[in-house]
PDB file of N, CA and C in Angstrom:
ATOM      1  N   MET A   1      -3.249  -4.509 -10.655  1.00  0.00           N
ATOM      2  CA  MET A   1      -1.972  -5.027 -11.107  1.00  0.00           C
ATOM      3  C   MET A   1      -1.048  -5.174  -9.897  1.00  0.00           C
ATOM      4  N   GLN A   2      -0.389  -6.283  -9.843  1.00  0.00           N
ATOM      5  CA  GLN A   2       0.508  -6.598  -8.729  1.00  0.00           C
ATOM      6  C   GLN A   2       1.826  -5.828  -8.858  1.00  0.00           C
ATOM      7  N   LEU A   3       2.317  -5.332  -7.744  1.00  0.00           N
ATOM      8  CA  LEU A   3       3.605  -4.650  -7.725  1.00  0.00           C
ATOM      9  C   LEU A   3       4.679  -5.580  -7.202  1.00  0.00           C
ATOM     10  N   THR A   4       5.893  -5.400  -7.707  1.00  0.00           N
ATOM     11  CA  THR A   4       7.026  -6.152  -7.169  1.00  0.00           C
ATOM     12  C   THR A   4       7.389  -5.556  -5.813  1.00  0.00           C
ATOM     13  N   LYS A   5       8.253  -6.238  -5.078  1.00  0.00           N
ATOM     14  CA  LYS A   5       8.670  -5.739  -3.769  1.00  0.00           C
ATOM     15  C   LYS A   5       9.339  -4.366  -3.902  1.00  0.00           C
ATOM     16  N   ALA A   6      10.204  -4.212  -4.893  1.00  0.00           N
ATOM     17  CA  ALA A   6      10.894  -2.932  -5.102  1.00  0.00           C
ATOM     18  C   ALA A   6       9.899  -1.831  -5.453  1.00  0.00           C
ATOM     19  N   GLU A   7       8.943  -2.144  -6.314  1.00  0.00           N
ATOM     20  CA  GLU A   7       7.933  -1.154  -6.697  1.00  0.00           C
ATOM     21  C   GLU A   7       7.091  -0.749  -5.486  1.00  0.00           C
ATOM     22  N   GLU A   8       6.727  -1.729  -4.685  1.00  0.00           N
ATOM     23  CA  GLU A   8       5.916  -1.433  -3.511  1.00  0.00           C
ATOM     24  C   GLU A   8       6.689  -0.599  -2.490  1.00  0.00           C
ATOM     25  N   GLN A   9       7.972  -0.864  -2.326  1.00  0.00           N
ATOM     26  CA  GLN A   9       8.796  -0.062  -1.417  1.00  0.00           C
ATOM     27  C   GLN A   9       8.798   1.405  -1.849  1.00  0.00           C
ATOM     28  N   ILE A  10       8.970   1.628  -3.129  1.00  0.00           N
ATOM     29  CA  ILE A  10       8.997   3.001  -3.637  1.00  0.00           C
ATOM     30  C   ILE A  10       7.615   3.644  -3.509  1.00  0.00           C
ATOM     31  N   MET A  11       6.559   2.893  -3.755  1.00  0.00           N
ATOM     32  CA  MET A  11       5.216   3.436  -3.587  1.00  0.00           C
ATOM     33  C   MET A  11       4.968   3.815  -2.131  1.00  0.00           C
ATOM     34  N   GLN A  12       5.403   2.976  -1.194  1.00  0.00           N
ATOM     35  CA  GLN A  12       5.223   3.295   0.229  1.00  0.00           C
ATOM     36  C   GLN A  12       5.891   4.629   0.561  1.00  0.00           C
ATOM     37  N   ILE A  13       7.085   4.828   0.024  1.00  0.00           N
ATOM     38  CA  ILE A  13       7.810   6.079   0.261  1.00  0.00           C
ATOM     39  C   ILE A  13       7.073   7.255  -0.381  1.00  0.00           C
ATOM     40  N   LEU A  14       6.630   7.078  -1.620  1.00  0.00           N
ATOM     41  CA  LEU A  14       5.896   8.160  -2.298  1.00  0.00           C
ATOM     42  C   LEU A  14       4.582   8.484  -1.592  1.00  0.00           C
ATOM     43  N   TRP A  15       3.892   7.470  -1.083  1.00  0.00           N
ATOM     44  CA  TRP A  15       2.658   7.737  -0.349  1.00  0.00           C
ATOM     45  C   TRP A  15       2.957   8.572   0.890  1.00  0.00           C
ATOM     46  N   ASP A  16       4.069   8.283   1.552  1.00  0.00           N
ATOM     47  CA  ASP A  16       4.448   9.061   2.736  1.00  0.00           C
ATOM     48  C   ASP A  16       4.873  10.482   2.359  1.00  0.00           C
ATOM     49  N   LEU A  17       5.677  10.598   1.310  1.00  0.00           N
ATOM     50  CA  LEU A  17       6.178  11.913   0.888  1.00  0.00           C
ATOM     51  C   LEU A  17       5.119  12.748   0.166  1.00  0.00           C
ATOM     52  N   GLU A  18       4.204  12.086  -0.507  1.00  0.00           N
ATOM     53  CA  GLU A  18       3.192  12.667  -1.381  1.00  0.00           C
ATOM     54  C   GLU A  18       3.766  13.081  -2.731  1.00  0.00           C
ATOM     55  N   GLU A  19       5.023  13.469  -2.762  1.00  0.00           N
ATOM     56  CA  GLU A  19       5.744  13.725  -4.011  1.00  0.00           C
ATOM     57  C   GLU A  19       7.223  13.808  -3.660  1.00  0.00           C
ATOM     58  N   GLY A  20       8.073  13.530  -4.664  1.00  0.00           N
ATOM     59  CA  GLY A  20       9.499  13.616  -4.400  1.00  0.00           C
ATOM     60  C   GLY A  20      10.336  13.334  -5.630  1.00  0.00           C
ATOM     61  N   VAL A  21      11.556  13.837  -5.595  1.00  0.00           N
ATOM     62  CA  VAL A  21      12.530  13.546  -6.640  1.00  0.00           C
ATOM     63  C   VAL A  21      13.270  12.276  -6.236  1.00  0.00           C
ATOM     64  N   VAL A  22      14.047  11.725  -7.148  1.00  0.00           N
ATOM     65  CA  VAL A  22      14.761  10.479  -6.889  1.00  0.00           C
ATOM     66  C   VAL A  22      15.597  10.579  -5.609  1.00  0.00           C
ATOM     67  N   LYS A  23      16.250  11.720  -5.420  1.00  0.00           N
ATOM     68  CA  LYS A  23      17.087  11.913  -4.230  1.00  0.00           C
ATOM     69  C   LYS A  23      16.259  11.799  -2.947  1.00  0.00           C
ATOM     70  N   ASP A  24      15.075  12.401  -2.921  1.00  0.00           N
ATOM     71  CA  ASP A  24      14.187  12.327  -1.749  1.00  0.00           C
ATOM     72  C   ASP A  24      13.805  10.881  -1.447  1.00  0.00           C
ATOM     73  N   ILE A  25      13.469  10.160  -2.495  1.00  0.00           N
ATOM     74  CA  ILE A  25      13.044   8.765  -2.345  1.00  0.00           C
ATOM     75  C   ILE A  25      14.212   7.920  -1.846  1.00  0.00           C
ATOM     76  N   ARG A  26      15.371   8.124  -2.431  1.00  0.00           N
ATOM     77  CA  ARG A  26      16.563   7.358  -2.053  1.00  0.00           C
ATOM     78  C   ARG A  26      16.923   7.574  -0.587  1.00  0.00           C
ATOM     79  N   GLU A  27      16.774   8.794  -0.104  1.00  0.00           N
ATOM     80  CA  GLU A  27      17.110   9.115   1.290  1.00  0.00           C
ATOM     81  C   GLU A  27      16.249   8.350   2.285  1.00  0.00           C
ATOM     82  N   LYS A  28      15.057   7.952   1.894  1.00  0.00           N
ATOM     83  CA  LYS A  28      14.147   7.244   2.798  1.00  0.00           C
ATOM     84  C   LYS A  28      14.502   5.763   2.955  1.00  0.00           C
ATOM     85  N   PHE A  29      15.339   5.234   2.086  1.00  0.00           N
ATOM     86  CA  PHE A  29      15.760   3.831   2.189  1.00  0.00           C
ATOM     87  C   PHE A  29      16.812   3.682   3.274  1.00  0.00           C
ATOM     88  N   GLU A  30      16.803   2.518   3.917  1.00  0.00           N
ATOM     89  CA  GLU A  30      17.852   2.208   4.883  1.00  0.00           C
ATOM     90  C   GLU A  30      19.118   1.832   4.122  1.00  0.00           C
ATOM     91  N   ASP A  31      20.258   1.902   4.802  1.00  0.00           N
ATOM     92  CA  ASP A  31      21.522   1.483   4.201  1.00  0.00           C
ATOM     93  C   ASP A  31      21.567  -0.035   4.088  1.00  0.00           C
ATOM     94  N   PRO A  32      22.128  -0.570   3.063  1.00  0.00           N
ATOM     95  CA  PRO A  32      22.679   0.100   1.894  1.00  0.00           C
ATOM     96  C   PRO A  32      21.552   0.575   0.970  1.00  0.00           C
ATOM     97  N   LYS A  33      21.628   1.825   0.598  1.00  0.00           N
ATOM     98  CA  LYS A  33      20.613   2.433  -0.254  1.00  0.00           C
ATOM     99  C   LYS A  33      20.765   1.952  -1.702  1.00  0.00           C
ATOM    100  N   PRO A  34      19.641   1.779  -2.393  1.00  0.00           N
ATOM    101  CA  PRO A  34      19.737   1.408  -3.806  1.00  0.00           C
ATOM    102  C   PRO A  34      20.346   2.548  -4.627  1.00  0.00           C
ATOM    103  N   ALA A  35      20.895   2.208  -5.755  1.00  0.00           N
ATOM    104  CA  ALA A  35      21.478   3.212  -6.649  1.00  0.00           C
ATOM    105  C   ALA A  35      20.384   4.125  -7.205  1.00  0.00           C
ATOM    106  N   ARG A  36      20.765   5.367  -7.509  1.00  0.00           N
ATOM    107  CA  ARG A  36      19.807   6.316  -8.090  1.00  0.00           C
ATOM    108  C   ARG A  36      19.198   5.766  -9.374  1.00  0.00           C
ATOM    109  N   ASN A  37      20.050   5.126 -10.199  1.00  0.00           N
ATOM    110  CA  ASN A  37      19.554   4.569 -11.465  1.00  0.00           C
ATOM    111  C   ASN A  37      18.501   3.496 -11.226  1.00  0.00           C
ATOM    112  N   THR A  38      18.679   2.706 -10.175  1.00  0.00           N
ATOM    113  CA  THR A  38      17.710   1.654  -9.853  1.00  0.00           C
ATOM    114  C   THR A  38      16.367   2.280  -9.498  1.00  0.00           C
ATOM    115  N   ILE A  39      16.393   3.297  -8.652  1.00  0.00           N
ATOM    116  CA  ILE A  39      15.157   3.982  -8.258  1.00  0.00           C
ATOM    117  C   ILE A  39      14.498   4.621  -9.473  1.00  0.00           C
ATOM    118  N   SER A  40      15.296   5.263 -10.294  1.00  0.00           N
ATOM    119  CA  SER A  40      14.783   5.907 -11.496  1.00  0.00           C
ATOM    120  C   SER A  40      14.125   4.885 -12.432  1.00  0.00           C
ATOM    121  N   THR A  41      14.747   3.743 -12.594  1.00  0.00           N
ATOM    122  CA  THR A  41      14.202   2.682 -13.457  1.00  0.00           C
ATOM    123  C   THR A  41      12.880   2.165 -12.905  1.00  0.00           C
ATOM    124  N   VAL A  42      12.823   1.935 -11.602  1.00  0.00           N
ATOM    125  CA  VAL A  42      11.586   1.442 -10.984  1.00  0.00           C
ATOM    126  C   VAL A  42      10.480   2.486 -11.124  1.00  0.00           C
ATOM    127  N   LEU A  43      10.815   3.754 -10.968  1.00  0.00           N
ATOM    128  CA  LEU A  43       9.821   4.811 -11.142  1.00  0.00           C
ATOM    129  C   LEU A  43       9.273   4.838 -12.567  1.00  0.00           C
ATOM    130  N   LYS A  44      10.134   4.610 -13.545  1.00  0.00           N
ATOM    131  CA  LYS A  44       9.676   4.564 -14.938  1.00  0.00           C
ATOM    132  C   LYS A  44       8.717   3.394 -15.156  1.00  0.00           C
ATOM    133  N   VAL A  45       9.014   2.256 -14.532  1.00  0.00           N
ATOM    134  CA  VAL A  45       8.121   1.093 -14.630  1.00  0.00           C
ATOM    135  C   VAL A  45       6.780   1.417 -13.973  1.00  0.00           C
ATOM    136  N   LEU A  46       6.831   2.063 -12.808  1.00  0.00           N
ATOM    137  CA  LEU A  46       5.599   2.449 -12.108  1.00  0.00           C
ATOM    138  C   LEU A  46       4.771   3.432 -12.938  1.00  0.00           C
ATOM    139  N   GLU A  47       5.444   4.295 -13.681  1.00  0.00           N
ATOM    140  CA  GLU A  47       4.727   5.203 -14.585  1.00  0.00           C
ATOM    141  C   GLU A  47       4.017   4.420 -15.681  1.00  0.00           C
ATOM    142  N   LYS A  48       4.723   3.465 -16.271  1.00  0.00           N
ATOM    143  CA  LYS A  48       4.126   2.650 -17.338  1.00  0.00           C
ATOM    144  C   LYS A  48       2.925   1.863 -16.826  1.00  0.00           C
ATOM    145  N   LYS A  49       2.984   1.436 -15.564  1.00  0.00           N
ATOM    146  CA  LYS A  49       1.889   0.682 -14.963  1.00  0.00           C
ATOM    147  C   LYS A  49       0.739   1.589 -14.522  1.00  0.00           C
ATOM    148  N   GLY A  50       0.962   2.917 -14.536  1.00  0.00           N
ATOM    149  CA  GLY A  50      -0.086   3.857 -14.165  1.00  0.00           C
ATOM    150  C   GLY A  50      -0.182   4.154 -12.677  1.00  0.00           C
ATOM    151  N   TYR A  51       0.871   3.851 -11.929  1.00  0.00           N
ATOM    152  CA  TYR A  51       0.860   4.095 -10.485  1.00  0.00           C
ATOM    153  C   TYR A  51       1.416   5.468 -10.113  1.00  0.00           C
ATOM    154  N   VAL A  52       2.325   6.007 -10.917  1.00  0.00           N
ATOM    155  CA  VAL A  52       2.913   7.311 -10.630  1.00  0.00           C
ATOM    156  C   VAL A  52       2.973   8.137 -11.911  1.00  0.00           C
ATOM    157  N   ASP A  53       3.177   9.430 -11.717  1.00  0.00           N
ATOM    158  CA  ASP A  53       3.423  10.340 -12.828  1.00  0.00           C
ATOM    159  C   ASP A  53       4.468  11.329 -12.334  1.00  0.00           C
ATOM    160  N   HIS A  54       4.886  12.211 -13.200  1.00  0.00           N
ATOM    161  CA  HIS A  54       5.886  13.197 -12.788  1.00  0.00           C
ATOM    162  C   HIS A  54       5.627  14.548 -13.447  1.00  0.00           C
ATOM    163  N   LYS A  55       6.198  15.564 -12.805  1.00  0.00           N
ATOM    164  CA  LYS A  55       6.255  16.908 -13.381  1.00  0.00           C
ATOM    165  C   LYS A  55       7.725  17.172 -13.643  1.00  0.00           C
ATOM    166  N   ALA A  56       8.027  17.698 -14.815  1.00  0.00           N
ATOM    167  CA  ALA A  56       9.421  17.979 -15.167  1.00  0.00           C
ATOM    168  C   ALA A  56       9.745  19.440 -14.897  1.00  0.00           C
ATOM    169  N   TYR A  57      10.835  19.660 -14.181  1.00  0.00           N
ATOM    170  CA  TYR A  57      11.373  20.999 -13.927  1.00  0.00           C
ATOM    171  C   TYR A  57      12.809  20.976 -14.427  1.00  0.00           C
ATOM    172  N   ALA A  58      13.005  21.473 -15.639  1.00  0.00           N
ATOM    173  CA  ALA A  58      14.302  21.381 -16.333  1.00  0.00           C
ATOM    174  C   ALA A  58      14.666  19.904 -16.437  1.00  0.00           C
ATOM    175  N   ASN A  59      15.777  19.489 -15.828  1.00  0.00           N
ATOM    176  CA  ASN A  59      16.168  18.076 -15.923  1.00  0.00           C
ATOM    177  C   ASN A  59      15.856  17.299 -14.638  1.00  0.00           C
ATOM    178  N   VAL A  60      14.969  17.850 -13.795  1.00  0.00           N
ATOM    179  CA  VAL A  60      14.583  17.191 -12.548  1.00  0.00           C
ATOM    180  C   VAL A  60      13.117  16.774 -12.654  1.00  0.00           C
ATOM    181  N   PHE A  61      12.846  15.515 -12.300  1.00  0.00           N
ATOM    182  CA  PHE A  61      11.480  15.005 -12.322  1.00  0.00           C
ATOM    183  C   PHE A  61      10.960  14.903 -10.899  1.00  0.00           C
ATOM    184  N   LEU A  62       9.787  15.484 -10.654  1.00  0.00           N
ATOM    185  CA  LEU A  62       9.111  15.394  -9.369  1.00  0.00           C
ATOM    186  C   LEU A  62       8.001  14.352  -9.517  1.00  0.00           C
ATOM    187  N   TYR A  63       8.169  13.224  -8.833  1.00  0.00           N
ATOM    188  CA  TYR A  63       7.231  12.107  -8.946  1.00  0.00           C
ATOM    189  C   TYR A  63       6.143  12.202  -7.891  1.00  0.00           C
ATOM    190  N   TYR A  64       4.959  11.727  -8.242  1.00  0.00           N
ATOM    191  CA  TYR A  64       3.835  11.701  -7.309  1.00  0.00           C
ATOM    192  C   TYR A  64       2.937  10.511  -7.644  1.00  0.00           C
ATOM    193  N   PRO A  65       2.288   9.934  -6.627  1.00  0.00           N
ATOM    194  CA  PRO A  65       1.441   8.757  -6.878  1.00  0.00           C
ATOM    195  C   PRO A  65       0.132   9.128  -7.566  1.00  0.00           C
ATOM    196  N   LEU A  66      -0.294   8.259  -8.464  1.00  0.00           N
ATOM    197  CA  LEU A  66      -1.607   8.392  -9.098  1.00  0.00           C
ATOM    198  C   LEU A  66      -2.628   7.478  -8.420  1.00  0.00           C
ATOM    199  N   VAL A  67      -2.131   6.466  -7.730  1.00  0.00           N
ATOM    200  CA  VAL A  67      -2.972   5.501  -7.017  1.00  0.00           C
ATOM    201  C   VAL A  67      -2.755   5.732  -5.526  1.00  0.00           C
ATOM    202  N   SER A  68      -3.832   5.888  -4.778  1.00  0.00           N
ATOM    203  CA  SER A  68      -3.702   6.122  -3.343  1.00  0.00           C
ATOM    204  C   SER A  68      -3.345   4.830  -2.611  1.00  0.00           C
ATOM    205  N   LYS A  69      -2.768   4.982  -1.450  1.00  0.00           N
ATOM    206  CA  LYS A  69      -2.424   3.820  -0.625  1.00  0.00           C
ATOM    207  C   LYS A  69      -3.692   3.045  -0.266  1.00  0.00           C
ATOM    208  N   LYS A  70      -4.760   3.765   0.033  1.00  0.00           N
ATOM    209  CA  LYS A  70      -6.029   3.112   0.382  1.00  0.00           C
ATOM    210  C   LYS A  70      -6.559   2.282  -0.786  1.00  0.00           C
ATOM    211  N   GLU A  71      -6.500   2.857  -1.981  1.00  0.00           N
ATOM    212  CA  GLU A  71      -6.973   2.172  -3.182  1.00  0.00           C
ATOM    213  C   GLU A  71      -6.157   0.900  -3.440  1.00  0.00           C
ATOM    214  N   TYR A  72      -4.835   1.010  -3.330  1.00  0.00           N
ATOM    215  CA  TYR A  72      -3.969  -0.146  -3.550  1.00  0.00           C
ATOM    216  C   TYR A  72      -4.199  -1.205  -2.469  1.00  0.00           C
ATOM    217  N   SER A  73      -4.302  -0.776  -1.219  1.00  0.00           N
ATOM    218  CA  SER A  73      -4.525  -1.715  -0.112  1.00  0.00           C
ATOM    219  C   SER A  73      -5.831  -2.466  -0.298  1.00  0.00           C
ATOM    220  N   LYS A  74      -6.860  -1.745  -0.691  1.00  0.00           N
ATOM    221  CA  LYS A  74      -8.173  -2.359  -0.922  1.00  0.00           C
ATOM    222  C   LYS A  74      -8.082  -3.432  -2.005  1.00  0.00           C
ATOM    223  N   HIS A  75      -7.403  -3.099  -3.097  1.00  0.00           N
ATOM    224  CA  HIS A  75      -7.239  -4.052  -4.193  1.00  0.00           C
ATOM    225  C   HIS A  75      -6.477  -5.302  -3.724  1.00  0.00           C
ATOM    226  N   GLN A  76      -5.415  -5.092  -2.957  1.00  0.00           N
ATOM    227  CA  GLN A  76      -4.608  -6.210  -2.469  1.00  0.00           C
ATOM    228  C   GLN A  76      -5.406  -7.098  -1.514  1.00  0.00           C
ATOM    229  N   LEU A  77      -6.148  -6.470  -0.612  1.00  0.00           N
ATOM    230  CA  LEU A  77      -6.930  -7.254   0.352  1.00  0.00           C
ATOM    231  C   LEU A  77      -8.032  -8.053  -0.324  1.00  0.00           C
ATOM    232  N   PHE A  78      -8.719  -7.435  -1.273  1.00  0.00           N
ATOM    233  CA  PHE A  78      -9.772  -8.166  -1.965  1.00  0.00           C
ATOM    234  C   PHE A  78      -9.193  -9.287  -2.830  1.00  0.00           C
ATOM    235  N   GLY A  79      -7.991  -9.074  -3.372  1.00  0.00           N
ATOM    236  CA  GLY A  79      -7.315 -10.140  -4.110  1.00  0.00           C
ATOM    237  C   GLY A  79      -6.949 -11.300  -3.200  1.00  0.00           C
ATOM    238  N   LEU A  80      -6.481 -10.990  -2.011  1.00  0.00           N
ATOM    239  CA  LEU A  80      -6.161 -12.008  -1.011  1.00  0.00           C
ATOM    240  C   LEU A  80      -7.417 -12.775  -0.613  1.00  0.00           C
ATOM    241  N   LEU A  81      -8.482 -12.042  -0.366  1.00  0.00           N
ATOM    242  CA  LEU A  81      -9.752 -12.648   0.016  1.00  0.00           C
ATOM    243  C   LEU A  81     -10.249 -13.609  -1.061  1.00  0.00           C
ATOM    244  N   GLU A  82     -10.191 -13.164  -2.310  1.00  0.00           N
ATOM    245  CA  GLU A  82     -10.661 -13.985  -3.427  1.00  0.00           C
ATOM    246  C   GLU A  82      -9.732 -15.162  -3.702  1.00  0.00           C
ATOM    247  N   GLY A  83      -8.434 -14.886  -3.726  1.00  0.00           N
ATOM    248  CA  GLY A  83      -7.475 -15.909  -4.125  1.00  0.00           C
ATOM    249  C   GLY A  83      -7.200 -16.990  -3.094  1.00  0.00           C
ATOM    250  N   TYR A  84      -7.341 -16.657  -1.818  1.00  0.00           N
ATOM    251  CA  TYR A  84      -6.958 -17.618  -0.778  1.00  0.00           C
ATOM    252  C   TYR A  84      -8.092 -18.034   0.144  1.00  0.00           C
ATOM    253  N   PHE A  85      -9.189 -17.281   0.153  1.00  0.00           N
ATOM    254  CA  PHE A  85     -10.260 -17.575   1.108  1.00  0.00           C
ATOM    255  C   PHE A  85     -11.625 -17.706   0.439  1.00  0.00           C
ATOM    256  N   ASN A  86     -11.630 -17.941  -0.867  1.00  0.00           N
ATOM    257  CA  ASN A  86     -12.865 -18.179  -1.616  1.00  0.00           C
ATOM    258  C   ASN A  86     -13.916 -17.099  -1.361  1.00  0.00           C
ATOM    259  N   ASN A  87     -13.439 -15.841  -1.296  1.00  0.00           N
ATOM    260  CA  ASN A  87     -14.305 -14.681  -1.055  1.00  0.00           C
ATOM    261  C   ASN A  87     -15.062 -14.738   0.268  1.00  0.00           C
ATOM    262  N   SER A  88     -14.531 -15.490   1.231  1.00  0.00           N
ATOM    263  CA  SER A  88     -15.179 -15.603   2.536  1.00  0.00           C
ATOM    264  C   SER A  88     -14.422 -14.763   3.559  1.00  0.00           C
ATOM    265  N   PHE A  89     -15.023 -13.616   3.920  1.00  0.00           N
ATOM    266  CA  PHE A  89     -14.405 -12.778   4.934  1.00  0.00           C
ATOM    267  C   PHE A  89     -14.327 -13.487   6.283  1.00  0.00           C
ATOM    268  N   PRO A  90     -15.381 -14.225   6.698  1.00  0.00           N
ATOM    269  CA  PRO A  90     -15.256 -14.966   7.961  1.00  0.00           C
ATOM    270  C   PRO A  90     -14.104 -15.976   7.947  1.00  0.00           C
ATOM    271  N   ALA A  91     -13.873 -16.634   6.816  1.00  0.00           N
ATOM    272  CA  ALA A  91     -12.761 -17.594   6.731  1.00  0.00           C
ATOM    273  C   ALA A  91     -11.421 -16.876   6.870  1.00  0.00           C
ATOM    274  N   MET A  92     -11.302 -15.714   6.224  1.00  0.00           N
ATOM    275  CA  MET A  92     -10.058 -14.961   6.321  1.00  0.00           C
ATOM    276  C   MET A  92      -9.848 -14.442   7.748  1.00  0.00           C
ATOM    277  N   THR A  93     -10.902 -13.935   8.344  1.00  0.00           N
ATOM    278  CA  THR A  93     -10.809 -13.423   9.714  1.00  0.00           C
ATOM    279  C   THR A  93     -10.432 -14.536  10.675  1.00  0.00           C
ATOM    280  N   SER A  94     -11.043 -15.677  10.521  1.00  0.00           N
ATOM    281  CA  SER A  94     -10.740 -16.823  11.377  1.00  0.00           C
ATOM    282  C   SER A  94      -9.288 -17.261  11.216  1.00  0.00           C
ATOM    283  N   PHE A  95      -8.810 -17.281   9.986  1.00  0.00           N
ATOM    284  CA  PHE A  95      -7.410 -17.646   9.720  1.00  0.00           C
ATOM    285  C   PHE A  95      -6.462 -16.712  10.458  1.00  0.00           C
ATOM    286  N   PHE A  96      -6.673 -15.392  10.323  1.00  0.00           N
ATOM    287  CA  PHE A  96      -5.787 -14.431  10.980  1.00  0.00           C
ATOM    288  C   PHE A  96      -5.921 -14.483  12.501  1.00  0.00           C
ATOM    289  N   ALA A  97      -7.129 -14.706  12.980  1.00  0.00           N
ATOM    290  CA  ALA A  97      -7.330 -14.817  14.429  1.00  0.00           C
ATOM    291  C   ALA A  97      -6.536 -15.994  14.992  1.00  0.00           C
ATOM    292  N   MET A  98      -6.559 -17.109  14.286  1.00  0.00           N
ATOM    293  CA  MET A  98      -5.806 -18.290  14.752  1.00  0.00           C
ATOM    294  C   MET A  98      -4.305 -18.076  14.603  1.00  0.00           C
ATOM    295  N   GLU A  99      -3.888 -17.492  13.493  1.00  0.00           N
ATOM    296  CA  GLU A  99      -2.458 -17.269  13.257  1.00  0.00           C
ATOM    297  C   GLU A  99      -1.859 -16.292  14.262  1.00  0.00           C
ATOM    298  N   LYS A 100      -2.635 -15.304  14.663  1.00  0.00           N
ATOM    299  CA  LYS A 100      -2.163 -14.285  15.613  1.00  0.00           C
ATOM    300  C   LYS A 100      -2.521 -14.646  17.053  1.00  0.00           C
ATOM    301  N   ASN A 101      -3.163 -15.812  17.219  1.00  0.00           N
ATOM    302  CA  ASN A 101      -3.524 -16.301  18.549  1.00  0.00           C
ATOM    303  C   ASN A 101      -4.331 -15.255  19.328  1.00  0.00           C
ATOM    304  N   LEU A 102      -5.345 -14.686  18.666  1.00  0.00           N
ATOM    305  CA  LEU A 102      -6.173 -13.663  19.290  1.00  0.00           C
ATOM    306  C   LEU A 102      -7.123 -14.292  20.310  1.00  0.00           C
ATOM    307  N   SER A 103      -7.332 -13.575  21.394  1.00  0.00           N
ATOM    308  CA  SER A 103      -8.258 -14.038  22.423  1.00  0.00           C
ATOM    309  C   SER A 103      -9.679 -13.642  22.041  1.00  0.00           C
ATOM    310  N   ILE A 104     -10.646 -14.206  22.759  1.00  0.00           N
ATOM    311  CA  ILE A 104     -12.049 -13.838  22.549  1.00  0.00           C
ATOM    312  C   ILE A 104     -12.231 -12.346  22.832  1.00  0.00           C
ATOM    313  N   LYS A 105     -11.534 -11.850  23.853  1.00  0.00           N
ATOM    314  CA  LYS A 105     -11.610 -10.422  24.181  1.00  0.00           C
ATOM    315  C   LYS A 105     -11.100  -9.579  23.012  1.00  0.00           C
ATOM    316  N   ASP A 106      -9.978  -9.995  22.386  1.00  0.00           N
ATOM    317  CA  ASP A 106      -9.444  -9.282  21.215  1.00  0.00           C
ATOM    318  C   ASP A 106     -10.473  -9.257  20.083  1.00  0.00           C
ATOM    319  N   LEU A 107     -11.096 -10.406  19.842  1.00  0.00           N
ATOM    320  CA  LEU A 107     -12.092 -10.496  18.770  1.00  0.00           C
ATOM    321  C   LEU A 107     -13.308  -9.627  19.076  1.00  0.00           C
ATOM    322  N   ASP A 108     -13.724  -9.599  20.333  1.00  0.00           N
ATOM    323  CA  ASP A 108     -14.844  -8.733  20.721  1.00  0.00           C
ATOM    324  C   ASP A 108     -14.502  -7.264  20.497  1.00  0.00           C
ATOM    325  N   THR A 109     -13.268  -6.879  20.812  1.00  0.00           N
ATOM    326  CA  THR A 109     -12.817  -5.505  20.613  1.00  0.00           C
ATOM    327  C   THR A 109     -12.834  -5.151  19.125  1.00  0.00           C
ATOM    328  N   ILE A 110     -12.348  -6.056  18.295  1.00  0.00           N
ATOM    329  CA  ILE A 110     -12.345  -5.841  16.844  1.00  0.00           C
ATOM    330  C   ILE A 110     -13.775  -5.686  16.333  1.00  0.00           C
ATOM    331  N   LEU A 111     -14.660  -6.554  16.797  1.00  0.00           N
ATOM    332  CA  LEU A 111     -16.058  -6.503  16.371  1.00  0.00           C
ATOM    333  C   LEU A 111     -16.714  -5.194  16.797  1.00  0.00           C
ATOM    334  N   GLU A 112     -16.442  -4.755  18.008  1.00  0.00           N
ATOM    335  CA  GLU A 112     -17.018  -3.495  18.501  1.00  0.00           C
ATOM    336  C   GLU A 112     -16.501  -2.305  17.685  1.00  0.00           C
ATOM    337  N   GLU A 113     -15.217  -2.287  17.375  1.00  0.00           N
ATOM    338  CA  GLU A 113     -14.655  -1.203  16.565  1.00  0.00           C
ATOM    339  C   GLU A 113     -15.258  -1.199  15.162  1.00  0.00           C
ATOM    340  N   ALA A 114     -15.452  -2.396  14.594  1.00  0.00           N
ATOM    341  CA  ALA A 114     -16.064  -2.494  13.265  1.00  0.00           C
ATOM    342  C   ALA A 114     -17.493  -1.971  13.298  1.00  0.00           C
ATOM    343  N   ARG A 115     -18.231  -2.292  14.355  1.00  0.00           N
ATOM    344  CA  ARG A 115     -19.603  -1.786  14.484  1.00  0.00           C
ATOM    345  C   ARG A 115     -19.623  -0.260  14.532  1.00  0.00           C
ATOM    346  N   LYS A 116     -18.707   0.327  15.309  1.00  0.00           N
ATOM    347  CA  LYS A 116     -18.634   1.788  15.413  1.00  0.00           C
ATOM    348  C   LYS A 116     -18.316   2.412  14.062  1.00  0.00           C
ATOM    349  N   ASP A 117     -17.333   1.819  13.350  1.00  0.00           N
ATOM    350  CA  ASP A 117     -16.953   2.347  12.031  1.00  0.00           C
ATOM    351  C   ASP A 117     -18.106   2.257  11.044  1.00  0.00           C
ATOM    352  N   LEU A 118     -18.796   1.120  11.042  1.00  0.00           N
ATOM    353  CA  LEU A 118     -19.924   0.944  10.120  1.00  0.00           C
ATOM    354  C   LEU A 118     -21.047   1.940  10.435  1.00  0.00           C
ATOM    355  N   LYS A 119     -21.310   2.116  11.711  1.00  0.00           N
ATOM    356  CA  LYS A 119     -22.364   3.059  12.115  1.00  0.00           C
ATOM    357  C   LYS A 119     -22.002   4.479  11.715  1.00  0.00           C
ATOM    358  N   ALA A 120     -20.741   4.857  11.919  1.00  0.00           N
ATOM    359  CA  ALA A 120     -20.280   6.198  11.549  1.00  0.00           C
ATOM    360  C   ALA A 120     -20.376   6.404  10.039  1.00  0.00           C
ATOM    361  N   ASN A 121     -20.009   5.382   9.261  1.00  0.00           N
ATOM    362  CA  ASN A 121     -20.083   5.487   7.793  1.00  0.00           C
ATOM    363  C   ASN A 121     -21.508   5.583   7.300  1.00  0.00           C
ATOM    364  N   GLN A 122     -22.429   4.918   7.974  1.00  0.00           N
ATOM    365  CA  GLN A 122     -23.832   4.966   7.559  1.00  0.00           C
ATOM    366  C   GLN A 122     -24.472   6.311   7.847  1.00  0.00           C
ATOM    367  N   GLN A 123     -23.943   7.020   8.853  1.00  0.00           N
ATOM    368  CA  GLN A 123     -24.490   8.333   9.220  1.00  0.00           C
ATOM    369  C   GLN A 123     -23.965   9.436   8.314  1.00  0.00           C
ATOM    370  N   GLU A 124     -22.887   9.186   7.584  1.00  0.00           N
ATOM    371  CA  GLU A 124     -22.311  10.224   6.716  1.00  0.00           C
ATOM    372  C   GLU A 124     -23.115  10.426   5.462  1.00  0.00           C
TER     373      GLU A 124
END
């Protein structure tokens, strides 16, 4: 499920904090900070979507993510790959390489790092 910009901002903060009350989340925003009610409303929407949950301590709610940043990032990247690059990783890689004006040396470095990561994952 796609998140709005506001929802994603709050998720980024929660992923960094691991858990927090509205005040904690609000403090992480740059000025001008959103209103507490706005943050609270977005958190309720995120709960309905299944991205966060909370523990209640009297009248204070401690929010925490139910979806990891890695899980969300993976979903977003695969959606991008499918929706814009016809499920072609080489097409997506080529697009970003051209957009970022990467050199052959940069691409070789990326390829070497990917090989190391794949080899390490296969040994686990």
